[in-house]
Protein backbone atom coordinates (compact mmCIF):
# COMPACT_ATOMS: atom_id res chain seq x y z
CA MET A 1 165.31 -0.31 37.49
CA PHE A 2 164.82 0.24 41.23
CA TYR A 3 164.22 3.39 43.23
CA ILE A 4 164.86 3.78 46.93
CA VAL A 5 162.12 5.78 48.58
CA ALA A 6 161.14 6.77 52.10
CA ALA A 7 157.77 5.71 53.42
CA ASP A 8 155.68 6.92 56.31
CA VAL A 9 154.07 3.79 57.72
CA LYS A 10 150.87 4.66 59.58
CA THR A 11 150.01 1.15 60.69
CA LEU A 12 152.82 -1.33 61.27
CA TYR A 13 151.32 -4.59 62.48
CA PRO A 14 153.13 -4.86 65.82
CA SER A 15 152.34 -8.47 66.65
CA LEU A 16 154.10 -9.90 63.60
CA TYR A 17 157.49 -11.50 64.02
CA ARG A 18 160.17 -10.20 61.68
CA ASP A 19 161.40 -13.64 60.64
CA THR A 20 157.83 -14.74 59.86
CA VAL A 21 157.23 -11.62 57.76
CA THR A 22 160.50 -12.19 55.89
CA LYS A 23 159.75 -15.86 55.16
CA ALA A 24 156.21 -15.06 54.03
CA LEU A 25 157.44 -12.29 51.74
CA GLU A 26 160.12 -14.54 50.23
CA CYS A 27 157.56 -17.26 49.58
CA ALA A 28 154.98 -14.88 48.11
CA LEU A 29 157.53 -13.26 45.80
CA GLU A 30 158.89 -16.60 44.63
CA LYS A 31 155.52 -18.21 43.98
CA HIS A 32 153.35 -15.28 42.92
CA SER A 33 155.53 -12.72 41.15
CA ASP A 34 157.49 -12.36 37.97
CA TYR A 35 160.44 -10.65 39.66
CA SER A 36 163.90 -12.03 39.02
CA ALA A 37 165.78 -13.73 41.85
CA GLU A 38 167.94 -10.60 42.22
CA ALA A 39 164.89 -8.32 42.37
CA ARG A 40 163.25 -10.57 44.99
CA LYS A 41 166.41 -10.46 47.09
CA ILE A 42 166.48 -6.66 46.93
CA ILE A 43 162.80 -6.40 47.93
CA VAL A 44 163.34 -8.71 50.90
CA GLU A 45 166.42 -6.76 52.02
CA LEU A 46 164.54 -3.45 51.76
CA ASN A 47 161.73 -4.95 53.83
CA LYS A 48 164.26 -5.99 56.49
CA ILE A 49 165.61 -2.44 56.57
CA CYS A 50 162.10 -1.11 57.15
CA LEU A 51 161.39 -3.58 59.95
CA ASN A 52 164.76 -3.05 61.64
CA HIS A 53 164.79 0.75 61.59
CA VAL A 54 161.44 1.74 63.02
CA VAL A 55 161.09 5.29 64.32
CA THR A 56 157.89 6.20 66.12
CA GLN A 57 156.55 9.53 67.26
CA TYR A 58 154.75 10.19 70.51
CA GLY A 59 153.75 13.82 70.85
CA ASP A 60 156.73 15.86 69.71
CA GLN A 61 159.29 13.18 70.64
CA LEU A 62 160.76 10.66 68.19
CA TYR A 63 161.85 7.20 69.36
CA ILE A 64 164.08 4.61 67.72
CA GLN A 65 162.86 1.11 68.48
CA LYS A 66 165.60 -1.21 69.73
CA LYS A 67 165.04 -4.76 68.62
CA THR A 68 165.88 -8.39 68.76
CA GLU A 69 165.02 -10.66 65.88
CA SER A 70 162.99 -13.02 68.05
CA GLN A 71 160.55 -10.39 69.31
CA PRO A 72 157.50 -9.06 67.52
CA VAL A 73 157.62 -5.38 66.71
CA LEU A 74 155.21 -4.58 69.58
CA GLN A 75 157.61 -5.88 72.24
CA LEU A 76 160.45 -3.59 71.24
CA THR A 77 161.92 -1.13 73.68
CA ALA A 78 161.81 2.47 72.50
CA TRP A 79 164.72 4.85 73.08
CA PRO A 80 164.69 8.59 72.37
């Protein structure tokens, strides 16, 4: 059974590339977990959602980070 939850990420490592994070997570889940292939796929997809829908707050303003897959999270352009 899976539950979808919201998380407030305080420290998102901004210098990591999304594709590198995804590949590392896939490898770690395959080699070091007992999750089924379907469960691993769901976890990886949920991770992609988290990385691709980053909202940051500066003061009272919220910003949605626009992205490209080839950039690390730090190099994203923020749009209110």
